[in-house]
Structures are given as C-alpha cells and as structure tokens.
Amino acid sequence: MSSTHHPKEDKPPILLGSSGQAKLGPEQLNIVYGHDDSYWKMPPKGSIGVPAELVQVCWLEVRGSVRIAVKGNKYKISFAMSLKPDAFGWDDCPVYVMAKFGKEAKYSWKKIMLQQGKLEIGDLEIEYKDGINISASGNEIIYFGLYEVWSGQWKGGLLLHSATVQQLS
C-alpha cells in the first residue's frame, strides 16, 4: 500500500460565519508530511489547544482555506507558532505567510523570521482589489498557507499552535 506526503485534495474549507473569524487547529490544516511521525508529531484526535510539533523537514508547507459567508473587503490571516529550545535550521531561514482569494488569483505574501523562546504571530492582511469578482465561483474562498520550501535546509522544533482568518472590514 503506497502513501503520499502530499494530500490528494485539500480538506474542505471552514465556513467563516457571522463572527467574522475562524480559528483552525493543526488537525484542520493540510500539513505536508503531517501523517508521517518521522517528520511531524500531530496532536491526538479530539485534543484542543495542543500544537503540532515539527520533528524535521526540509519542505515546510501548511495550507488551509476558508469559505466566506459574509463578504468583506479586508481579511487578516495569522499563524501562531513558536520554536522549542532545541529548534534547529531556522537561522537566516524565513517562513512566508501567503494568501489569495480564489484559485486563480495571485498570492499576497509576508516574510517572517522566527525567534527562539517567543510565540510568533505571523500575519498578513489581504484585500479584495479591483478586478476580483467576489461573487464568481471560487473567489469566496481564501486560500492561505505557511511555507519554507526554498532554502533546502533541514529544520525542526517548530510548534504550530493555530491559524486564524479574521474579517477586518
């Protein structure tokens, strides 16, 4: 029986309801290599508030999506993460928070440098721009992710606590 480190399809989008906010735990995100214990220690099923722990990877890719119920113009996407004391591979190795509306749009992104001993909130604000038809099929979904796939260096010791999508206006 073969397995893949890349899920065949993303988990279904989470509905961003009238509260204007959706908080996703690690189990609600698509973590590449997340089902392989030699790369990630995932929280037990049903646990709340327990982070996923990165053992080691050279390709960090965490994705999620949110279907918007009440249309707004501006959204903030954030990842809460921290480094364990024995974390490695993060010196001069930025991570990127990226997001876009619909599958066809271009990503907006922000570079984040992680520091040991500090809870980091890597966030990015995105806005509907002229030319994006928010009522077009698929554009009511925000696709977002946390990435470090360019350095090729091994890294570990990252604790991924949650991701949040919040409507700002």
C-alpha atoms as a PDB file:
ATOM      1  CA  MET A   1       0.000   0.000   0.000  1.00  0.00           C
ATOM      2  CA  SER A   2       1.540   3.322  -1.018  1.00  0.00           C
ATOM      3  CA  SER A   3       1.151   6.600   0.784  1.00  0.00           C
ATOM      4  CA  THR A   4       1.793  10.156  -0.254  1.00  0.00           C
ATOM      5  CA  HIS A   5       3.169  13.033   1.750  1.00  0.00           C
ATOM      6  CA  HIS A   6       1.055  15.448  -0.250  1.00  0.00           C
ATOM      7  CA  PRO A   7      -2.698  15.058   0.301  1.00  0.00           C
ATOM      8  CA  LYS A   8      -4.598  14.416  -2.939  1.00  0.00           C
ATOM      9  CA  GLU A   9      -7.003  17.245  -2.167  1.00  0.00           C
ATOM     10  CA  ASP A  10      -7.281  19.917   0.463  1.00  0.00           C
ATOM     11  CA  LYS A  11      -9.614  19.466   3.389  1.00  0.00           C
ATOM     12  CA  PRO A  12     -12.927  21.279   2.843  1.00  0.00           C
ATOM     13  CA  PRO A  13     -12.934  24.982   3.604  1.00  0.00           C
ATOM     14  CA  ILE A  14     -14.131  26.091   7.022  1.00  0.00           C
ATOM     15  CA  LEU A  15     -17.087  28.476   6.990  1.00  0.00           C
ATOM     16  CA  LEU A  16     -16.215  31.990   8.139  1.00  0.00           C
ATOM     17  CA  GLY A  17     -19.541  32.893   9.726  1.00  0.00           C
ATOM     18  CA  SER A  18     -21.168  35.979  11.154  1.00  0.00           C
ATOM     19  CA  SER A  19     -18.495  36.278  13.879  1.00  0.00           C
ATOM     20  CA  GLY A  20     -16.058  37.213  11.128  1.00  0.00           C
ATOM     21  CA  GLN A  21     -13.391  34.864  12.453  1.00  0.00           C
ATOM     22  CA  ALA A  22     -12.301  31.259  12.063  1.00  0.00           C
ATOM     23  CA  LYS A  23      -9.575  29.662  14.214  1.00  0.00           C
ATOM     24  CA  LEU A  24      -8.125  26.416  12.895  1.00  0.00           C
ATOM     25  CA  GLY A  25      -6.099  23.950  14.937  1.00  0.00           C
ATOM     26  CA  PRO A  26      -3.364  21.806  13.357  1.00  0.00           C
ATOM     27  CA  GLU A  27      -5.832  18.978  12.671  1.00  0.00           C
ATOM     28  CA  GLN A  28      -7.888  21.315  10.462  1.00  0.00           C
ATOM     29  CA  LEU A  29      -4.915  22.287   8.304  1.00  0.00           C
ATOM     30  CA  ASN A  30      -3.239  20.400   5.471  1.00  0.00           C
ATOM     31  CA  ILE A  31       0.302  19.763   6.686  1.00  0.00           C
ATOM     32  CA  VAL A  32       2.590  18.217   4.090  1.00  0.00           C
ATOM     33  CA  TYR A  33       4.294  15.183   5.696  1.00  0.00           C
ATOM     34  CA  GLY A  34       1.862  15.630   8.627  1.00  0.00           C
ATOM     35  CA  HIS A  35       0.860  11.959   8.624  1.00  0.00           C
ATOM     36  CA  ASP A  36       4.446  10.744   8.932  1.00  0.00           C
ATOM     37  CA  ASP A  37       5.707  10.562  12.542  1.00  0.00           C
ATOM     38  CA  SER A  38       9.318  10.918  11.425  1.00  0.00           C
ATOM     39  CA  TYR A  39       8.500  14.464  10.248  1.00  0.00           C
ATOM     40  CA  TRP A  40       5.648  15.729  12.474  1.00  0.00           C
ATOM     41  CA  LYS A  41       4.136  14.849  15.841  1.00  0.00           C
ATOM     42  CA  MET A  42       0.459  15.624  15.421  1.00  0.00           C
ATOM     43  CA  PRO A  43      -1.834  16.255  18.414  1.00  0.00           C
ATOM     44  CA  PRO A  44      -4.086  13.361  19.461  1.00  0.00           C
ATOM     45  CA  LYS A  45      -7.503  13.331  17.773  1.00  0.00           C
ATOM     46  CA  GLY A  46     -10.036  15.409  19.673  1.00  0.00           C
ATOM     47  CA  SER A  47      -7.419  17.431  21.547  1.00  0.00           C
ATOM     48  CA  ILE A  48      -7.897  21.183  21.722  1.00  0.00           C
ATOM     49  CA  GLY A  49      -5.088  23.689  22.056  1.00  0.00           C
ATOM     50  CA  VAL A  50      -2.291  21.153  21.534  1.00  0.00           C
ATOM     51  CA  PRO A  51       0.229  22.240  18.883  1.00  0.00           C
ATOM     52  CA  ALA A  52       1.649  20.119  16.094  1.00  0.00           C
ATOM     53  CA  GLU A  53       5.395  19.644  16.510  1.00  0.00           C
ATOM     54  CA  LEU A  54       7.740  19.678  13.555  1.00  0.00           C
ATOM     55  CA  VAL A  55      10.365  16.968  14.090  1.00  0.00           C
ATOM     56  CA  GLN A  56      12.315  17.698  10.908  1.00  0.00           C
ATOM     57  CA  VAL A  57      11.634  18.625   7.293  1.00  0.00           C
ATOM     58  CA  CYS A  58      13.378  20.458   4.516  1.00  0.00           C
ATOM     59  CA  TRP A  59       9.996  21.363   2.946  1.00  0.00           C
ATOM     60  CA  LEU A  60       7.583  23.233   5.230  1.00  0.00           C
ATOM     61  CA  GLU A  61       4.117  23.536   3.713  1.00  0.00           C
ATOM     62  CA  VAL A  62       0.965  24.114   5.776  1.00  0.00           C
ATOM     63  CA  ARG A  63      -2.223  25.036   3.894  1.00  0.00           C
ATOM     64  CA  GLY A  64      -5.781  25.928   4.754  1.00  0.00           C
ATOM     65  CA  SER A  65      -8.836  27.533   3.238  1.00  0.00           C
ATOM     66  CA  VAL A  66     -11.891  29.366   4.469  1.00  0.00           C
ATOM     67  CA  ARG A  67     -15.187  29.894   2.676  1.00  0.00           C
ATOM     68  CA  ILE A  68     -16.522  33.370   3.401  1.00  0.00           C
ATOM     69  CA  ALA A  69     -20.184  33.506   4.435  1.00  0.00           C
ATOM     70  CA  VAL A  70     -20.456  37.274   4.858  1.00  0.00           C
ATOM     71  CA  LYS A  71     -18.440  39.170   2.263  1.00  0.00           C
ATOM     72  CA  GLY A  72     -15.965  41.748   3.499  1.00  0.00           C
ATOM     73  CA  ASN A  73     -13.174  43.704   1.878  1.00  0.00           C
ATOM     74  CA  LYS A  74     -10.181  43.084   4.112  1.00  0.00           C
ATOM     75  CA  TYR A  75      -9.011  39.966   5.969  1.00  0.00           C
ATOM     76  CA  LYS A  76      -6.134  39.095   8.278  1.00  0.00           C
ATOM     77  CA  ILE A  77      -4.559  35.646   8.143  1.00  0.00           C
ATOM     78  CA  SER A  78      -2.284  34.676  11.020  1.00  0.00           C
ATOM     79  CA  PHE A  79      -0.346  31.652  12.225  1.00  0.00           C
ATOM     80  CA  ALA A  80       0.556  31.223  15.903  1.00  0.00           C
ATOM     81  CA  MET A  81       3.844  29.339  16.161  1.00  0.00           C
ATOM     82  CA  SER A  82       6.859  29.029  18.425  1.00  0.00           C
ATOM     83  CA  LEU A  83      10.273  27.379  18.431  1.00  0.00           C
ATOM     84  CA  LYS A  84      11.301  24.797  21.003  1.00  0.00           C
ATOM     85  CA  PRO A  85      14.614  25.369  22.848  1.00  0.00           C
ATOM     86  CA  ASP A  86      16.265  22.638  20.734  1.00  0.00           C
ATOM     87  CA  ALA A  87      14.927  24.003  17.410  1.00  0.00           C
ATOM     88  CA  PHE A  88      17.370  23.913  14.509  1.00  0.00           C
ATOM     89  CA  GLY A  89      17.700  25.186  10.957  1.00  0.00           C
ATOM     90  CA  TRP A  90      15.850  28.472  11.449  1.00  0.00           C
ATOM     91  CA  ASP A  91      18.812  30.894  11.477  1.00  0.00           C
ATOM     92  CA  ASP A  92      18.544  33.120   8.408  1.00  0.00           C
ATOM     93  CA  CYS A  93      15.669  30.953   7.192  1.00  0.00           C
ATOM     94  CA  PRO A  94      12.444  32.963   6.834  1.00  0.00           C
ATOM     95  CA  VAL A  95       8.976  31.481   6.614  1.00  0.00           C
ATOM     96  CA  TYR A  96       6.306  33.009   4.419  1.00  0.00           C
ATOM     97  CA  VAL A  97       2.630  33.564   5.160  1.00  0.00           C
ATOM     98  CA  MET A  98       0.760  33.617   1.851  1.00  0.00           C
ATOM     99  CA  ALA A  99      -2.899  34.102   0.929  1.00  0.00           C
ATOM    100  CA  LYS A 100      -5.193  34.731  -2.023  1.00  0.00           C
ATOM    101  CA  PHE A 101      -8.885  34.915  -2.965  1.00  0.00           C
ATOM    102  CA  GLY A 102      -9.910  32.017  -5.203  1.00  0.00           C
ATOM    103  CA  LYS A 103      -7.644  29.587  -7.026  1.00  0.00           C
ATOM    104  CA  GLU A 104      -6.868  31.907  -9.945  1.00  0.00           C
ATOM    105  CA  ALA A 105      -5.628  34.985  -8.022  1.00  0.00           C
ATOM    106  CA  LYS A 106      -2.000  35.764  -7.272  1.00  0.00           C
ATOM    107  CA  TYR A 107      -0.721  35.260  -3.745  1.00  0.00           C
ATOM    108  CA  SER A 108      -0.004  38.115  -1.373  1.00  0.00           C
ATOM    109  CA  TRP A 109       2.830  37.222   0.981  1.00  0.00           C
ATOM    110  CA  LYS A 110       4.819  38.343   4.001  1.00  0.00           C
ATOM    111  CA  LYS A 111       8.240  37.149   5.178  1.00  0.00           C
ATOM    112  CA  ILE A 112       8.635  36.228   8.872  1.00  0.00           C
ATOM    113  CA  MET A 113      11.806  35.489  10.831  1.00  0.00           C
ATOM    114  CA  LEU A 114      11.223  33.174  13.795  1.00  0.00           C
ATOM    115  CA  GLN A 115      12.995  33.640  17.139  1.00  0.00           C
ATOM    116  CA  GLN A 116      13.513  31.039  19.842  1.00  0.00           C
ATOM    117  CA  GLY A 117      11.644  31.465  23.104  1.00  0.00           C
ATOM    118  CA  LYS A 118       8.966  33.697  21.612  1.00  0.00           C
ATOM    119  CA  LEU A 119       5.409  32.972  20.464  1.00  0.00           C
ATOM    120  CA  GLU A 120       5.292  34.352  16.953  1.00  0.00           C
ATOM    121  CA  ILE A 121       2.162  35.563  15.265  1.00  0.00           C
ATOM    122  CA  GLY A 122       2.958  35.620  11.579  1.00  0.00           C
ATOM    123  CA  ASP A 123       0.195  37.608   9.958  1.00  0.00           C
ATOM    124  CA  LEU A 124      -0.772  39.006   6.598  1.00  0.00           C
ATOM    125  CA  GLU A 125      -3.615  41.299   5.549  1.00  0.00           C
ATOM    126  CA  ILE A 126      -5.258  40.788   2.170  1.00  0.00           C
ATOM    127  CA  GLU A 127      -7.859  42.890   0.437  1.00  0.00           C
ATOM    128  CA  TYR A 128     -10.295  42.425  -2.421  1.00  0.00           C
ATOM    129  CA  LYS A 129      -8.851  44.509  -5.247  1.00  0.00           C
ATOM    130  CA  ASP A 130     -10.401  45.923  -8.380  1.00  0.00           C
ATOM    131  CA  GLY A 131     -10.751  43.180 -10.937  1.00  0.00           C
ATOM    132  CA  ILE A 132     -11.572  40.393  -8.471  1.00  0.00           C
ATOM    133  CA  ASN A 133     -15.179  39.340  -8.865  1.00  0.00           C
ATOM    134  CA  ILE A 134     -16.053  38.302  -5.313  1.00  0.00           C
ATOM    135  CA  SER A 135     -19.284  36.684  -6.430  1.00  0.00           C
ATOM    136  CA  ALA A 136     -17.540  34.486  -9.021  1.00  0.00           C
ATOM    137  CA  SER A 137     -17.450  30.815  -8.179  1.00  0.00           C
ATOM    138  CA  GLY A 138     -14.404  30.029  -6.040  1.00  0.00           C
ATOM    139  CA  ASN A 139     -13.489  33.620  -5.220  1.00  0.00           C
ATOM    140  CA  GLU A 140     -15.404  33.416  -1.939  1.00  0.00           C
ATOM    141  CA  ILE A 141     -12.679  31.074  -0.662  1.00  0.00           C
ATOM    142  CA  ILE A 142      -9.487  32.402   0.901  1.00  0.00           C
ATOM    143  CA  TYR A 143      -6.563  30.029   0.347  1.00  0.00           C
ATOM    144  CA  PHE A 144      -3.681  30.555   2.740  1.00  0.00           C
ATOM    145  CA  GLY A 145      -0.524  28.877   3.916  1.00  0.00           C
ATOM    146  CA  LEU A 146       2.750  28.892   5.792  1.00  0.00           C
ATOM    147  CA  TYR A 147       5.765  27.969   3.662  1.00  0.00           C
ATOM    148  CA  GLU A 148       9.520  27.456   3.715  1.00  0.00           C
ATOM    149  CA  VAL A 149      10.341  25.414   0.653  1.00  0.00           C
ATOM    150  CA  TRP A 150      13.164  27.390  -0.924  1.00  0.00           C
ATOM    151  CA  SER A 151      16.231  27.013   1.324  1.00  0.00           C
ATOM    152  CA  GLY A 152      16.550  23.226   1.077  1.00  0.00           C
ATOM    153  CA  GLN A 153      17.915  23.086   4.617  1.00  0.00           C
ATOM    154  CA  TRP A 154      16.610  20.771   7.310  1.00  0.00           C
ATOM    155  CA  LYS A 155      14.740  22.405  10.155  1.00  0.00           C
ATOM    156  CA  GLY A 156      12.867  21.221  13.211  1.00  0.00           C
ATOM    157  CA  GLY A 157      11.475  22.211  16.577  1.00  0.00           C
ATOM    158  CA  LEU A 158       8.610  24.381  15.302  1.00  0.00           C
ATOM    159  CA  LEU A 159       5.371  24.243  17.283  1.00  0.00           C
ATOM    160  CA  LEU A 160       2.345  25.108  15.153  1.00  0.00           C
ATOM    161  CA  HIS A 161      -0.435  26.224  17.504  1.00  0.00           C
ATOM    162  CA  SER A 162      -3.165  27.523  15.171  1.00  0.00           C
ATOM    163  CA  ALA A 163      -4.134  29.589  12.163  1.00  0.00           C
ATOM    164  CA  THR A 164      -6.758  32.332  12.255  1.00  0.00           C
ATOM    165  CA  VAL A 165      -8.650  34.132   9.493  1.00  0.00           C
ATOM    166  CA  GLN A 166     -10.350  37.337  10.638  1.00  0.00           C
ATOM    167  CA  GLN A 167     -12.529  39.752   8.682  1.00  0.00           C
ATOM    168  CA  LEU A 168     -11.296  43.329   9.269  1.00  0.00           C
ATOM    169  CA  SER A 169     -13.781  45.253   7.089  1.00  0.00           C
END
